[in-house]
Amino acid sequence: MTRMGQRHRPVIRAFRDRDLPGAARVWRELRPDAMHSERRLRHLIDSFPERAQPAFWVAGDDGVVAWCFAHRRWHRATDNGYIWAGVLPEAHGRGIGSALWEAAESHLAAAGVARINADSLEDETGVPFLARRGFAPVRALAISAVDPRG
């Protein structure tokens, strides 16, 4: 049940194989700085070693509107973790990002991670979202792209 005027918050649950197309769509739409195909996402998920202690979640009822993953940064520092969470614009304002973040943060805390890293495109949602959680920018990357069809 929702209050009058509130939008329904989709169910947040562990990632399943059938979520792959929806999660890839979210990643592709929110991170245009790289190729994010279903095949690439499948490779990412399958390539984490056990010591990374990865976990993956999605949000959605009739389709995936957000996805998130967290892992220990096994390749750098053993007590360092990483979280990425993305919510499609049409699902903003429902607390989905916060709920996904809490799941990821809890996962990393249970794994004994002492520090969390995250990244965001410099836009009106990602940077403020991370700032509200105590993150401060450490480094900025400028990524340029051109459409070769033009």
N, C-alpha and C. Protein backbone atom coordinates (compact mmCIF):
# COMPACT_ATOMS: atom_id res chain seq x y z
N MET A 1 0.85 -1.18 0.00
CA MET A 1 0.00 0.00 0.00
C MET A 1 0.89 1.24 0.00
N THR A 2 0.50 2.26 -0.75
CA THR A 2 1.25 3.50 -0.77
C THR A 2 0.35 4.64 -0.34
N ARG A 3 0.96 5.66 0.21
CA ARG A 3 0.20 6.85 0.59
C ARG A 3 -0.24 7.59 -0.65
N MET A 4 -1.26 8.38 -0.51
CA MET A 4 -1.77 9.17 -1.61
C MET A 4 -0.64 10.05 -2.15
N GLY A 5 -0.39 10.01 -3.43
CA GLY A 5 0.62 10.84 -4.06
C GLY A 5 2.00 10.20 -4.11
N GLN A 6 2.22 9.12 -3.36
CA GLN A 6 3.53 8.46 -3.40
C GLN A 6 3.56 7.46 -4.54
N ARG A 7 4.73 7.36 -5.15
CA ARG A 7 4.91 6.35 -6.18
C ARG A 7 5.41 5.07 -5.54
N HIS A 8 4.97 3.97 -6.06
CA HIS A 8 5.36 2.65 -5.57
C HIS A 8 6.86 2.43 -5.71
N ARG A 9 7.50 1.90 -4.67
CA ARG A 9 8.92 1.55 -4.76
C ARG A 9 9.01 0.09 -5.15
N PRO A 10 9.67 -0.20 -6.28
CA PRO A 10 9.80 -1.59 -6.73
C PRO A 10 10.54 -2.47 -5.71
N VAL A 11 10.31 -3.73 -5.83
CA VAL A 11 10.97 -4.72 -4.98
C VAL A 11 12.47 -4.72 -5.27
N ILE A 12 13.26 -4.74 -4.20
CA ILE A 12 14.71 -4.85 -4.33
C ILE A 12 15.09 -6.26 -3.92
N ARG A 13 15.85 -6.93 -4.78
CA ARG A 13 16.18 -8.33 -4.53
C ARG A 13 17.53 -8.67 -5.14
N ALA A 14 18.02 -9.84 -4.81
CA ALA A 14 19.28 -10.32 -5.37
C ALA A 14 19.13 -10.49 -6.88
N PHE A 15 20.19 -10.20 -7.60
CA PHE A 15 20.26 -10.35 -9.05
C PHE A 15 20.06 -11.81 -9.43
N ARG A 16 19.29 -12.04 -10.49
CA ARG A 16 19.11 -13.38 -11.06
C ARG A 16 19.53 -13.32 -12.52
N ASP A 17 19.86 -14.46 -13.09
CA ASP A 17 20.30 -14.49 -14.49
C ASP A 17 19.31 -13.83 -15.43
N ARG A 18 18.04 -13.99 -15.18
CA ARG A 18 17.03 -13.40 -16.08
C ARG A 18 17.01 -11.86 -16.00
N ASP A 19 17.71 -11.28 -15.01
CA ASP A 19 17.79 -9.82 -14.88
C ASP A 19 18.87 -9.22 -15.77
N LEU A 20 19.67 -10.05 -16.40
CA LEU A 20 20.81 -9.57 -17.17
C LEU A 20 20.44 -8.52 -18.21
N PRO A 21 19.44 -8.73 -19.05
CA PRO A 21 19.12 -7.70 -20.05
C PRO A 21 18.72 -6.36 -19.42
N GLY A 22 17.93 -6.40 -18.37
CA GLY A 22 17.50 -5.17 -17.71
C GLY A 22 18.65 -4.46 -17.01
N ALA A 23 19.50 -5.20 -16.33
CA ALA A 23 20.65 -4.60 -15.65
C ALA A 23 21.61 -4.00 -16.67
N ALA A 24 21.82 -4.68 -17.78
CA ALA A 24 22.70 -4.14 -18.83
C ALA A 24 22.10 -2.86 -19.40
N ARG A 25 20.80 -2.81 -19.55
CA ARG A 25 20.15 -1.59 -20.05
C ARG A 25 20.37 -0.43 -19.09
N VAL A 26 20.20 -0.67 -17.79
CA VAL A 26 20.41 0.37 -16.79
C VAL A 26 21.85 0.87 -16.86
N TRP A 27 22.78 -0.07 -16.87
CA TRP A 27 24.20 0.29 -16.90
C TRP A 27 24.54 1.08 -18.15
N ARG A 28 24.02 0.63 -19.30
CA ARG A 28 24.29 1.29 -20.58
C ARG A 28 23.72 2.71 -20.59
N GLU A 29 22.50 2.88 -20.10
CA GLU A 29 21.87 4.20 -20.12
C GLU A 29 22.52 5.17 -19.14
N LEU A 30 22.99 4.66 -18.02
CA LEU A 30 23.54 5.54 -16.99
C LEU A 30 25.05 5.72 -17.09
N ARG A 31 25.72 4.86 -17.79
CA ARG A 31 27.18 4.94 -17.92
C ARG A 31 27.56 4.89 -19.39
N PRO A 32 27.30 5.95 -20.14
CA PRO A 32 27.63 5.96 -21.56
C PRO A 32 29.13 6.07 -21.83
N ASP A 33 29.94 6.08 -20.78
CA ASP A 33 31.38 6.23 -20.93
C ASP A 33 32.09 4.94 -21.33
N ALA A 34 31.35 3.85 -21.45
CA ALA A 34 31.97 2.57 -21.85
C ALA A 34 30.90 1.67 -22.48
N MET A 35 31.35 0.58 -23.09
CA MET A 35 30.43 -0.40 -23.67
C MET A 35 29.86 -1.27 -22.56
N HIS A 36 28.57 -1.27 -22.44
CA HIS A 36 27.92 -2.06 -21.40
C HIS A 36 26.85 -2.95 -22.02
N SER A 37 27.29 -4.01 -22.64
CA SER A 37 26.38 -4.96 -23.27
C SER A 37 26.03 -6.07 -22.28
N GLU A 38 25.05 -6.88 -22.63
CA GLU A 38 24.72 -8.04 -21.80
C GLU A 38 25.93 -8.97 -21.69
N ARG A 39 26.61 -9.16 -22.79
CA ARG A 39 27.79 -10.03 -22.77
C ARG A 39 28.87 -9.49 -21.83
N ARG A 40 29.10 -8.19 -21.88
CA ARG A 40 30.11 -7.56 -21.02
C ARG A 40 29.71 -7.68 -19.55
N LEU A 41 28.43 -7.47 -19.26
CA LEU A 41 27.95 -7.58 -17.89
C LEU A 41 28.07 -9.02 -17.38
N ARG A 42 27.72 -9.98 -18.22
CA ARG A 42 27.85 -11.39 -17.84
C ARG A 42 29.32 -11.70 -17.51
N HIS A 43 30.23 -11.19 -18.34
CA HIS A 43 31.65 -11.41 -18.10
C HIS A 43 32.08 -10.79 -16.76
N LEU A 44 31.63 -9.57 -16.50
CA LEU A 44 31.97 -8.91 -15.24
C LEU A 44 31.52 -9.76 -14.05
N ILE A 45 30.27 -10.15 -14.07
CA ILE A 45 29.71 -10.93 -12.95
C ILE A 45 30.46 -12.24 -12.77
N ASP A 46 30.74 -12.93 -13.87
CA ASP A 46 31.40 -14.23 -13.79
C ASP A 46 32.89 -14.15 -13.47
N SER A 47 33.50 -12.99 -13.68
CA SER A 47 34.94 -12.90 -13.52
C SER A 47 35.41 -12.53 -12.12
N PHE A 48 34.50 -12.16 -11.23
CA PHE A 48 34.93 -11.85 -9.87
C PHE A 48 35.44 -13.11 -9.19
N PRO A 49 36.64 -13.05 -8.61
CA PRO A 49 37.11 -14.21 -7.86
C PRO A 49 36.36 -14.30 -6.53
N GLU A 50 36.36 -15.46 -5.94
CA GLU A 50 35.65 -15.66 -4.67
C GLU A 50 36.11 -14.67 -3.60
N ARG A 51 37.41 -14.35 -3.59
CA ARG A 51 37.94 -13.45 -2.56
C ARG A 51 37.40 -12.02 -2.69
N ALA A 52 36.79 -11.69 -3.82
CA ALA A 52 36.18 -10.37 -4.00
C ALA A 52 34.86 -10.25 -3.24
N GLN A 53 34.28 -11.37 -2.89
CA GLN A 53 33.00 -11.42 -2.17
C GLN A 53 31.95 -10.51 -2.83
N PRO A 54 31.72 -10.68 -4.14
CA PRO A 54 30.79 -9.81 -4.84
C PRO A 54 29.33 -10.12 -4.51
N ALA A 55 28.51 -9.10 -4.66
CA ALA A 55 27.06 -9.27 -4.51
C ALA A 55 26.38 -8.31 -5.49
N PHE A 56 25.21 -8.71 -5.98
CA PHE A 56 24.52 -7.96 -7.01
C PHE A 56 23.03 -7.90 -6.67
N TRP A 57 22.40 -6.75 -6.90
CA TRP A 57 20.98 -6.57 -6.62
C TRP A 57 20.32 -5.83 -7.78
N VAL A 58 19.02 -5.98 -7.90
CA VAL A 58 18.22 -5.22 -8.86
C VAL A 58 16.98 -4.70 -8.15
N ALA A 59 16.34 -3.73 -8.78
CA ALA A 59 15.04 -3.23 -8.32
C ALA A 59 14.11 -3.24 -9.51
N GLY A 60 12.92 -3.74 -9.29
CA GLY A 60 11.93 -3.74 -10.36
C GLY A 60 10.84 -4.76 -10.11
N ASP A 61 9.69 -4.46 -10.63
CA ASP A 61 8.56 -5.38 -10.56
C ASP A 61 8.36 -6.03 -11.92
N ASP A 62 8.01 -5.22 -12.91
CA ASP A 62 7.77 -5.71 -14.26
C ASP A 62 9.01 -5.60 -15.15
N GLY A 63 10.07 -5.06 -14.62
CA GLY A 63 11.31 -4.90 -15.36
C GLY A 63 12.33 -4.23 -14.45
N VAL A 64 13.57 -4.36 -14.78
CA VAL A 64 14.63 -3.80 -13.95
C VAL A 64 14.72 -2.29 -14.18
N VAL A 65 14.60 -1.52 -13.08
CA VAL A 65 14.74 -0.06 -13.17
C VAL A 65 16.00 0.42 -12.46
N ALA A 66 16.71 -0.50 -11.79
CA ALA A 66 17.94 -0.15 -11.09
C ALA A 66 18.73 -1.41 -10.84
N TRP A 67 20.05 -1.23 -10.75
CA TRP A 67 20.88 -2.36 -10.35
C TRP A 67 22.10 -1.84 -9.61
N CYS A 68 22.67 -2.72 -8.81
CA CYS A 68 23.76 -2.33 -7.93
C CYS A 68 24.68 -3.52 -7.73
N PHE A 69 25.97 -3.24 -7.56
CA PHE A 69 26.88 -4.31 -7.17
C PHE A 69 27.91 -3.78 -6.20
N ALA A 70 28.43 -4.67 -5.40
CA ALA A 70 29.45 -4.34 -4.41
C ALA A 70 30.44 -5.48 -4.34
N HIS A 71 31.69 -5.13 -4.08
CA HIS A 71 32.71 -6.17 -3.95
C HIS A 71 33.91 -5.63 -3.18
N ARG A 72 34.66 -6.54 -2.64
CA ARG A 72 35.94 -6.21 -2.03
C ARG A 72 36.90 -5.95 -3.19
N ARG A 73 37.68 -4.91 -3.08
CA ARG A 73 38.66 -4.59 -4.14
C ARG A 73 39.89 -5.46 -3.91
N TRP A 74 39.75 -6.72 -4.29
CA TRP A 74 40.77 -7.73 -4.05
C TRP A 74 42.09 -7.42 -4.75
N HIS A 75 42.04 -6.68 -5.84
CA HIS A 75 43.23 -6.41 -6.65
C HIS A 75 44.03 -5.21 -6.15
N ARG A 76 43.54 -4.52 -5.13
CA ARG A 76 44.25 -3.34 -4.63
C ARG A 76 44.53 -3.46 -3.14
N ALA A 77 43.54 -3.27 -2.31
CA ALA A 77 43.71 -3.32 -0.86
C ALA A 77 42.65 -4.25 -0.28
N THR A 78 43.05 -5.11 0.59
CA THR A 78 42.11 -6.12 1.07
C THR A 78 40.99 -5.57 1.93
N ASP A 79 41.16 -4.38 2.52
CA ASP A 79 40.08 -3.84 3.34
C ASP A 79 39.33 -2.71 2.63
N ASN A 80 39.44 -2.68 1.31
CA ASN A 80 38.80 -1.67 0.49
C ASN A 80 37.65 -2.31 -0.31
N GLY A 81 36.53 -1.62 -0.39
CA GLY A 81 35.41 -2.13 -1.17
C GLY A 81 34.98 -1.13 -2.22
N TYR A 82 34.07 -1.55 -3.09
CA TYR A 82 33.56 -0.70 -4.17
C TYR A 82 32.07 -0.95 -4.31
N ILE A 83 31.32 0.13 -4.52
CA ILE A 83 29.88 0.03 -4.78
C ILE A 83 29.55 0.86 -6.01
N TRP A 84 28.71 0.29 -6.87
CA TRP A 84 28.10 1.06 -7.95
C TRP A 84 26.61 0.80 -7.90
N ALA A 85 25.82 1.87 -7.93
CA ALA A 85 24.36 1.76 -7.95
C ALA A 85 23.83 2.73 -8.98
N GLY A 86 22.86 2.28 -9.75
CA GLY A 86 22.25 3.14 -10.76
C GLY A 86 20.76 2.94 -10.83
N VAL A 87 20.03 4.04 -10.92
CA VAL A 87 18.56 4.03 -11.00
C VAL A 87 18.15 4.82 -12.23
N LEU A 88 17.33 4.23 -13.08
CA LEU A 88 16.86 4.94 -14.28
C LEU A 88 16.08 6.20 -13.87
N PRO A 89 16.19 7.27 -14.65
CA PRO A 89 15.53 8.54 -14.30
C PRO A 89 14.04 8.40 -14.00
N GLU A 90 13.34 7.53 -14.72
CA GLU A 90 11.90 7.41 -14.48
C GLU A 90 11.56 6.79 -13.13
N ALA A 91 12.57 6.24 -12.45
CA ALA A 91 12.34 5.64 -11.12
C ALA A 91 12.96 6.46 -9.99
N HIS A 92 13.47 7.64 -10.30
CA HIS A 92 14.06 8.50 -9.26
C HIS A 92 13.00 8.95 -8.25
N GLY A 93 13.44 9.26 -7.06
CA GLY A 93 12.56 9.82 -6.05
C GLY A 93 11.75 8.82 -5.26
N ARG A 94 12.05 7.55 -5.37
CA ARG A 94 11.29 6.51 -4.66
C ARG A 94 12.11 5.83 -3.56
N GLY A 95 13.35 6.25 -3.37
CA GLY A 95 14.20 5.63 -2.35
C GLY A 95 14.90 4.37 -2.82
N ILE A 96 14.85 4.10 -4.12
CA ILE A 96 15.44 2.88 -4.66
C ILE A 96 16.95 2.90 -4.51
N GLY A 97 17.58 4.00 -4.90
CA GLY A 97 19.03 4.11 -4.79
C GLY A 97 19.50 3.96 -3.36
N SER A 98 18.79 4.58 -2.44
CA SER A 98 19.15 4.48 -1.02
C SER A 98 19.02 3.05 -0.52
N ALA A 99 17.96 2.37 -0.90
CA ALA A 99 17.76 0.98 -0.46
C ALA A 99 18.84 0.07 -1.04
N LEU A 100 19.18 0.27 -2.31
CA LEU A 100 20.24 -0.53 -2.91
C LEU A 100 21.57 -0.25 -2.22
N TRP A 101 21.83 1.02 -1.96
CA TRP A 101 23.09 1.40 -1.30
C TRP A 101 23.19 0.74 0.08
N GLU A 102 22.09 0.77 0.83
CA GLU A 102 22.10 0.15 2.16
C GLU A 102 22.40 -1.34 2.08
N ALA A 103 21.84 -2.01 1.10
CA ALA A 103 22.12 -3.45 0.93
C ALA A 103 23.60 -3.66 0.63
N ALA A 104 24.16 -2.84 -0.26
CA ALA A 104 25.56 -2.97 -0.63
C ALA A 104 26.49 -2.64 0.54
N GLU A 105 26.16 -1.57 1.24
CA GLU A 105 26.97 -1.17 2.39
C GLU A 105 26.95 -2.25 3.47
N SER A 106 25.79 -2.82 3.73
CA SER A 106 25.67 -3.90 4.72
C SER A 106 26.49 -5.11 4.30
N HIS A 107 26.44 -5.42 3.02
CA HIS A 107 27.22 -6.55 2.51
C HIS A 107 28.71 -6.34 2.75
N LEU A 108 29.20 -5.15 2.43
CA LEU A 108 30.62 -4.88 2.61
C LEU A 108 31.01 -4.80 4.09
N ALA A 109 30.13 -4.29 4.91
CA ALA A 109 30.41 -4.25 6.35
C ALA A 109 30.55 -5.67 6.90
N ALA A 110 29.66 -6.56 6.47
CA ALA A 110 29.73 -7.96 6.91
C ALA A 110 31.00 -8.64 6.40
N ALA A 111 31.53 -8.13 5.28
CA ALA A 111 32.76 -8.69 4.72
C ALA A 111 34.00 -8.10 5.39
N GLY A 112 33.80 -7.15 6.31
CA GLY A 112 34.91 -6.57 7.02
C GLY A 112 35.64 -5.46 6.29
N VAL A 113 34.97 -4.86 5.32
CA VAL A 113 35.58 -3.78 4.55
C VAL A 113 35.61 -2.50 5.39
N ALA A 114 36.75 -1.83 5.43
CA ALA A 114 36.91 -0.62 6.24
C ALA A 114 36.71 0.67 5.45
N ARG A 115 36.81 0.59 4.13
CA ARG A 115 36.70 1.78 3.29
C ARG A 115 35.95 1.42 2.01
N ILE A 116 35.07 2.31 1.58
CA ILE A 116 34.29 2.09 0.36
C ILE A 116 34.66 3.15 -0.67
N ASN A 117 34.87 2.70 -1.90
CA ASN A 117 35.09 3.58 -3.03
C ASN A 117 33.86 3.51 -3.93
N ALA A 118 33.59 4.60 -4.61
CA ALA A 118 32.49 4.66 -5.57
C ALA A 118 32.87 5.67 -6.64
N ASP A 119 32.17 5.61 -7.76
CA ASP A 119 32.38 6.63 -8.78
C ASP A 119 31.04 7.04 -9.36
N SER A 120 31.04 8.17 -10.02
CA SER A 120 29.82 8.70 -10.58
C SER A 120 30.16 9.60 -11.75
N LEU A 121 29.25 9.67 -12.70
CA LEU A 121 29.38 10.71 -13.71
C LEU A 121 29.05 12.02 -13.02
N GLU A 122 29.60 13.09 -13.53
CA GLU A 122 29.32 14.40 -12.94
C GLU A 122 27.98 14.88 -13.47
N ASP A 123 26.93 14.53 -12.75
CA ASP A 123 25.59 14.93 -13.15
C ASP A 123 24.80 15.38 -11.92
N GLU A 124 23.54 15.68 -12.13
CA GLU A 124 22.72 16.23 -11.04
C GLU A 124 22.27 15.20 -10.01
N THR A 125 22.51 13.92 -10.26
CA THR A 125 22.06 12.91 -9.31
C THR A 125 23.20 12.16 -8.63
N GLY A 126 24.16 11.67 -9.39
CA GLY A 126 25.20 10.81 -8.83
C GLY A 126 26.09 11.48 -7.81
N VAL A 127 26.62 12.66 -8.14
CA VAL A 127 27.53 13.36 -7.23
C VAL A 127 26.81 13.73 -5.92
N PRO A 128 25.62 14.33 -5.96
CA PRO A 128 24.92 14.64 -4.71
C PRO A 128 24.56 13.38 -3.90
N PHE A 129 24.20 12.30 -4.59
CA PHE A 129 23.88 11.04 -3.91
C PHE A 129 25.06 10.58 -3.08
N LEU A 130 26.25 10.58 -3.68
CA LEU A 130 27.45 10.15 -2.97
C LEU A 130 27.83 11.15 -1.88
N ALA A 131 27.66 12.43 -2.13
CA ALA A 131 28.00 13.45 -1.13
C ALA A 131 27.14 13.29 0.13
N ARG A 132 25.85 12.95 -0.04
CA ARG A 132 24.98 12.74 1.12
C ARG A 132 25.42 11.54 1.96
N ARG A 133 26.23 10.68 1.38
CA ARG A 133 26.73 9.51 2.09
C ARG A 133 28.17 9.70 2.58
N GLY A 134 28.64 10.94 2.55
CA GLY A 134 29.95 11.26 3.10
C GLY A 134 31.11 11.21 2.13
N PHE A 135 30.84 10.97 0.86
CA PHE A 135 31.92 10.91 -0.12
C PHE A 135 32.32 12.31 -0.56
N ALA A 136 33.60 12.47 -0.82
CA ALA A 136 34.13 13.71 -1.37
C ALA A 136 34.95 13.36 -2.60
N PRO A 137 34.87 14.16 -3.65
CA PRO A 137 35.65 13.86 -4.86
C PRO A 137 37.15 13.81 -4.55
N VAL A 138 37.81 12.81 -5.12
CA VAL A 138 39.24 12.66 -4.96
C VAL A 138 39.93 12.87 -6.30
N ARG A 139 39.26 12.46 -7.36
CA ARG A 139 39.85 12.53 -8.69
C ARG A 139 38.73 12.70 -9.71
N ALA A 140 39.01 13.43 -10.76
CA ALA A 140 38.05 13.60 -11.85
C ALA A 140 38.71 13.18 -13.15
N LEU A 141 37.97 12.48 -13.97
CA LEU A 141 38.45 12.05 -15.28
C LEU A 141 37.60 12.73 -16.35
N ALA A 142 38.23 13.20 -17.39
CA ALA A 142 37.51 13.77 -18.53
C ALA A 142 37.51 12.72 -19.63
N ILE A 143 36.34 12.28 -20.03
CA ILE A 143 36.21 11.27 -21.07
C ILE A 143 35.49 11.91 -22.25
N SER A 144 36.11 11.85 -23.41
CA SER A 144 35.53 12.44 -24.61
C SER A 144 35.04 11.31 -25.52
N ALA A 145 34.02 11.61 -26.29
CA ALA A 145 33.49 10.63 -27.23
C ALA A 145 33.01 11.37 -28.47
N VAL A 146 33.01 10.66 -29.58
CA VAL A 146 32.51 11.21 -30.84
C VAL A 146 31.70 10.12 -31.53
N ASP A 147 30.65 10.50 -32.19
CA ASP A 147 29.83 9.57 -32.95
C ASP A 147 30.47 9.43 -34.34
N PRO A 148 31.03 8.28 -34.66
CA PRO A 148 31.74 8.11 -35.93
C PRO A 148 30.82 8.14 -37.16
N ARG A 149 29.52 8.06 -36.93
CA ARG A 149 28.59 8.08 -38.06
C ARG A 149 28.42 9.48 -38.62
N GLY A 150 28.86 10.51 -37.88
CA GLY A 150 28.64 11.92 -38.26
C GLY A 150 29.64 12.49 -39.12
